[in-house]
Amino acid sequence: MTRQSTSLTRPLPAMALSGLLLLALPVRAVDVALTDDAYTAGYSGYLNTNYGAAVSLSVSGLSSGAATNRRAWVRFDLAGALPSGTTWDLVQKATLRVYVNTVTAAGKISIMAATAAWTESTLKQNIAPGTRGFDANNTPYVQQTVSVADKYVTFDVTEVVRDWMDGTVANYGIVLVPGDTVINVQLDSKEATANSHPMALDITLATRRVNPAGDVSMGQFTAGPRP
């Protein structure tokens, strides 16, 4: 997916601009701790209800009857997981892994970024932050169909993490929103102790190296817009 957004054009770290190595860089995998998860319900009678202790995170569209318009919210401790000095250009891949425990109606889930702080113990629809996509049209970062229960589904959230790291948006978490009107699914929360399938954020980082001339290099990048 090609993003047409001013957030894509980012100056490279100064130390990455000299002595580029044409060698494959070593990488490391980072598991980011989940700190908060909850869902909000956007229909009458439930706007002021908190679901931070729920064992499932509900995502449903506008045609889902009594489960209309639910969104799942998750936050991760990115700062506590990444090595000091990590910059956006070192993020090779970021994957959000969710476990689907129930599919009442198949449909699409869209990935958005939250735009303000929230906590699972206080989040409610009537005070929920806004959400944003990757461009001025609020296009979702990624969208895919969820149709089968009792399995993991992964979302490529590389651009969300890069946006957090370069300051395009602060890390207020990821919001899984209904991508169409019919979807109605339940995802495991970290409170689902019977299954123990909380959402997970996995990041693959490139590692900077120092070449024989003493220049720091990160290798695989371009000086233009981000892919």
Foldseek 3Di string as FASTA:
>chain_A
DDDDAPLQQDADPPLAPPDADQDDFDKDKWWWAWDFKWKEAPDPPFQQPAGRLPQWAKAAACPAPPRHWMKMWTATDPVVTDDPPDALVFWPWKKKKWAWADWPDKAKKFKWAFADADHRVRDGNVPGGDTADDHPVRHGVDMDIDDDHGGMDMDTCSVVVNCCRRVVGPRRTMMIHTPDHGTITIIGDCSNVVVNGHMIMMTMGGDWDADPVRRIHRHDDDNGGHD
